[in-house]
Amino acid sequence: MYVIARIGHPSGSGLTWTRPGHHTIMGIGTSIFLIAVGAVLRFAVTATVSGIALATVGTILIIVGVIGLVVSLVFLMQAGRRGTVATRERVTERDPYA
């Protein structure tokens, strides 16, 4: 069972879906991937499968991908307005014999 644990993960934007011991992020990349796969199923695949309409599956994937993309972009914009600054510590080592 998957549960939405928190919205807007520090390492990126998107919804965080959690399962005990697992953390994944549905972000911009995943959304674009869903849109691309959905478009291929909707417009390029002409094969038929008994009991399932591939064009309908493609349309559903496109819709889910667009929703995920919009949500990811909204949270990315909100993070920018909050003034969140990512800091990185730089460690430089010097040769003691030089």
C-alpha atoms as a PDB file:
ATOM      1  CA  MET A   1       0.000   0.000   0.000  1.00  0.00           C
ATOM      2  CA  TYR A   2       1.363   3.395  -1.001  1.00  0.00           C
ATOM      3  CA  VAL A   3       0.688   6.541   0.979  1.00  0.00           C
ATOM      4  CA  ILE A   4       1.503  10.164   0.217  1.00  0.00           C
ATOM      5  CA  ALA A   5       3.902  10.957   3.032  1.00  0.00           C
ATOM      6  CA  ARG A   6       4.887  14.536   2.300  1.00  0.00           C
ATOM      7  CA  ILE A   7       4.780  17.009  -0.510  1.00  0.00           C
ATOM      8  CA  GLY A   8       7.949  18.674  -1.721  1.00  0.00           C
ATOM      9  CA  HIS A   9      10.993  16.584  -0.887  1.00  0.00           C
ATOM     10  CA  PRO A  10      14.250  18.449  -0.064  1.00  0.00           C
ATOM     11  CA  SER A  11      16.139  16.679  -2.848  1.00  0.00           C
ATOM     12  CA  GLY A  12      13.696  17.710  -5.574  1.00  0.00           C
ATOM     13  CA  SER A  13      10.146  18.613  -6.374  1.00  0.00           C
ATOM     14  CA  GLY A  14       7.176  16.324  -6.564  1.00  0.00           C
ATOM     15  CA  LEU A  15       5.031  14.001  -4.561  1.00  0.00           C
ATOM     16  CA  THR A  16       6.751  11.578  -2.278  1.00  0.00           C
ATOM     17  CA  TRP A  17       5.133   8.146  -2.279  1.00  0.00           C
ATOM     18  CA  THR A  18       6.332   5.932   0.514  1.00  0.00           C
ATOM     19  CA  ARG A  19       6.184   2.298   1.391  1.00  0.00           C
ATOM     20  CA  PRO A  20       7.778   1.085   4.607  1.00  0.00           C
ATOM     21  CA  GLY A  21      11.518   1.306   4.004  1.00  0.00           C
ATOM     22  CA  HIS A  22      11.237   2.813   0.498  1.00  0.00           C
ATOM     23  CA  HIS A  23      11.189   6.406  -0.771  1.00  0.00           C
ATOM     24  CA  THR A  24      10.677   7.462  -4.371  1.00  0.00           C
ATOM     25  CA  ILE A  25       9.801  10.778  -5.962  1.00  0.00           C
ATOM     26  CA  MET A  26       7.440  11.347  -8.859  1.00  0.00           C
ATOM     27  CA  GLY A  27       8.974  14.420 -10.352  1.00  0.00           C
ATOM     28  CA  ILE A  28       9.376  16.153 -13.653  1.00  0.00           C
ATOM     29  CA  GLY A  29      11.369  13.333 -15.266  1.00  0.00           C
ATOM     30  CA  THR A  30       8.844  10.666 -14.360  1.00  0.00           C
ATOM     31  CA  SER A  31       6.005  12.832 -15.611  1.00  0.00           C
ATOM     32  CA  ILE A  32       7.690  13.411 -18.963  1.00  0.00           C
ATOM     33  CA  PHE A  33       8.362   9.673 -19.239  1.00  0.00           C
ATOM     34  CA  LEU A  34       4.676   8.880 -18.608  1.00  0.00           C
ATOM     35  CA  ILE A  35       3.623  11.442 -21.213  1.00  0.00           C
ATOM     36  CA  ALA A  36       6.039   9.957 -23.765  1.00  0.00           C
ATOM     37  CA  VAL A  37       4.946   6.346 -23.169  1.00  0.00           C
ATOM     38  CA  GLY A  38       1.304   7.401 -23.253  1.00  0.00           C
ATOM     39  CA  ALA A  39       1.814   9.232 -26.538  1.00  0.00           C
ATOM     40  CA  VAL A  40       3.464   6.196 -28.090  1.00  0.00           C
ATOM     41  CA  LEU A  41       0.594   3.957 -26.985  1.00  0.00           C
ATOM     42  CA  ARG A  42      -2.023   6.487 -28.081  1.00  0.00           C
ATOM     43  CA  PHE A  43      -0.675   7.509 -31.483  1.00  0.00           C
ATOM     44  CA  ALA A  44       1.936   4.990 -32.670  1.00  0.00           C
ATOM     45  CA  VAL A  45       0.845   1.519 -31.604  1.00  0.00           C
ATOM     46  CA  THR A  46      -1.600  -0.135 -33.962  1.00  0.00           C
ATOM     47  CA  ALA A  47      -1.563  -3.589 -32.363  1.00  0.00           C
ATOM     48  CA  THR A  48      -4.669  -4.877 -30.644  1.00  0.00           C
ATOM     49  CA  VAL A  49      -4.832  -6.734 -27.357  1.00  0.00           C
ATOM     50  CA  SER A  50      -7.874  -8.717 -26.340  1.00  0.00           C
ATOM     51  CA  GLY A  51      -9.705  -7.048 -23.477  1.00  0.00           C
ATOM     52  CA  ILE A  52      -7.731  -3.814 -23.367  1.00  0.00           C
ATOM     53  CA  ALA A  53      -7.717  -0.699 -25.514  1.00  0.00           C
ATOM     54  CA  LEU A  54      -4.118   0.484 -25.833  1.00  0.00           C
ATOM     55  CA  ALA A  55      -5.209   3.921 -27.025  1.00  0.00           C
ATOM     56  CA  THR A  56      -7.206   4.353 -23.801  1.00  0.00           C
ATOM     57  CA  VAL A  57      -4.224   3.263 -21.699  1.00  0.00           C
ATOM     58  CA  GLY A  58      -2.095   5.792 -23.586  1.00  0.00           C
ATOM     59  CA  THR A  59      -4.594   8.561 -22.925  1.00  0.00           C
ATOM     60  CA  ILE A  60      -4.671   7.716 -19.217  1.00  0.00           C
ATOM     61  CA  LEU A  61      -0.863   7.781 -19.030  1.00  0.00           C
ATOM     62  CA  ILE A  62      -0.768  11.150 -20.785  1.00  0.00           C
ATOM     63  CA  ILE A  63      -3.301  12.592 -18.329  1.00  0.00           C
ATOM     64  CA  VAL A  64      -1.451  11.215 -15.283  1.00  0.00           C
ATOM     65  CA  GLY A  65       1.853  12.534 -16.651  1.00  0.00           C
ATOM     66  CA  VAL A  66       0.440  16.014 -17.263  1.00  0.00           C
ATOM     67  CA  ILE A  67      -1.063  16.133 -13.758  1.00  0.00           C
ATOM     68  CA  GLY A  68       2.263  15.016 -12.247  1.00  0.00           C
ATOM     69  CA  LEU A  69       4.142  17.600 -14.299  1.00  0.00           C
ATOM     70  CA  VAL A  70       1.829  20.422 -13.217  1.00  0.00           C
ATOM     71  CA  VAL A  71       2.036  19.406  -9.551  1.00  0.00           C
ATOM     72  CA  SER A  72       5.840  19.140  -9.745  1.00  0.00           C
ATOM     73  CA  LEU A  73       6.146  22.569 -11.353  1.00  0.00           C
ATOM     74  CA  VAL A  74       3.800  24.148  -8.793  1.00  0.00           C
ATOM     75  CA  PHE A  75       5.882  22.809  -5.927  1.00  0.00           C
ATOM     76  CA  LEU A  76       9.090  23.824  -7.668  1.00  0.00           C
ATOM     77  CA  MET A  77       7.764  27.385  -8.013  1.00  0.00           C
ATOM     78  CA  GLN A  78       6.679  27.456  -4.358  1.00  0.00           C
ATOM     79  CA  ALA A  79      10.110  26.290  -3.222  1.00  0.00           C
ATOM     80  CA  GLY A  80      11.640  29.148  -5.196  1.00  0.00           C
ATOM     81  CA  ARG A  81       9.369  31.710  -3.514  1.00  0.00           C
ATOM     82  CA  ARG A  82      10.218  30.485  -0.025  1.00  0.00           C
ATOM     83  CA  GLY A  83      13.802  31.472  -0.559  1.00  0.00           C
ATOM     84  CA  THR A  84      15.130  27.966  -0.055  1.00  0.00           C
ATOM     85  CA  VAL A  85      18.860  27.955  -0.576  1.00  0.00           C
ATOM     86  CA  ALA A  86      20.788  24.787  -1.192  1.00  0.00           C
ATOM     87  CA  THR A  87      24.233  24.956   0.336  1.00  0.00           C
ATOM     88  CA  ARG A  88      27.095  22.671  -0.478  1.00  0.00           C
ATOM     89  CA  GLU A  89      30.174  22.311   1.647  1.00  0.00           C
ATOM     90  CA  ARG A  90      33.384  22.438  -0.326  1.00  0.00           C
ATOM     91  CA  VAL A  91      36.304  20.495   1.027  1.00  0.00           C
ATOM     92  CA  THR A  92      39.730  21.101  -0.398  1.00  0.00           C
ATOM     93  CA  GLU A  93      42.699  19.049   0.650  1.00  0.00           C
ATOM     94  CA  ARG A  94      46.179  20.410   0.280  1.00  0.00           C
ATOM     95  CA  ASP A  95      49.296  18.396  -0.142  1.00  0.00           C
ATOM     96  CA  PRO A  96      51.235  18.807   3.142  1.00  0.00           C
ATOM     97  CA  TYR A  97      54.529  18.208   1.290  1.00  0.00           C
ATOM     98  CA  ALA A  98      54.072  20.871  -1.367  1.00  0.00           C
END
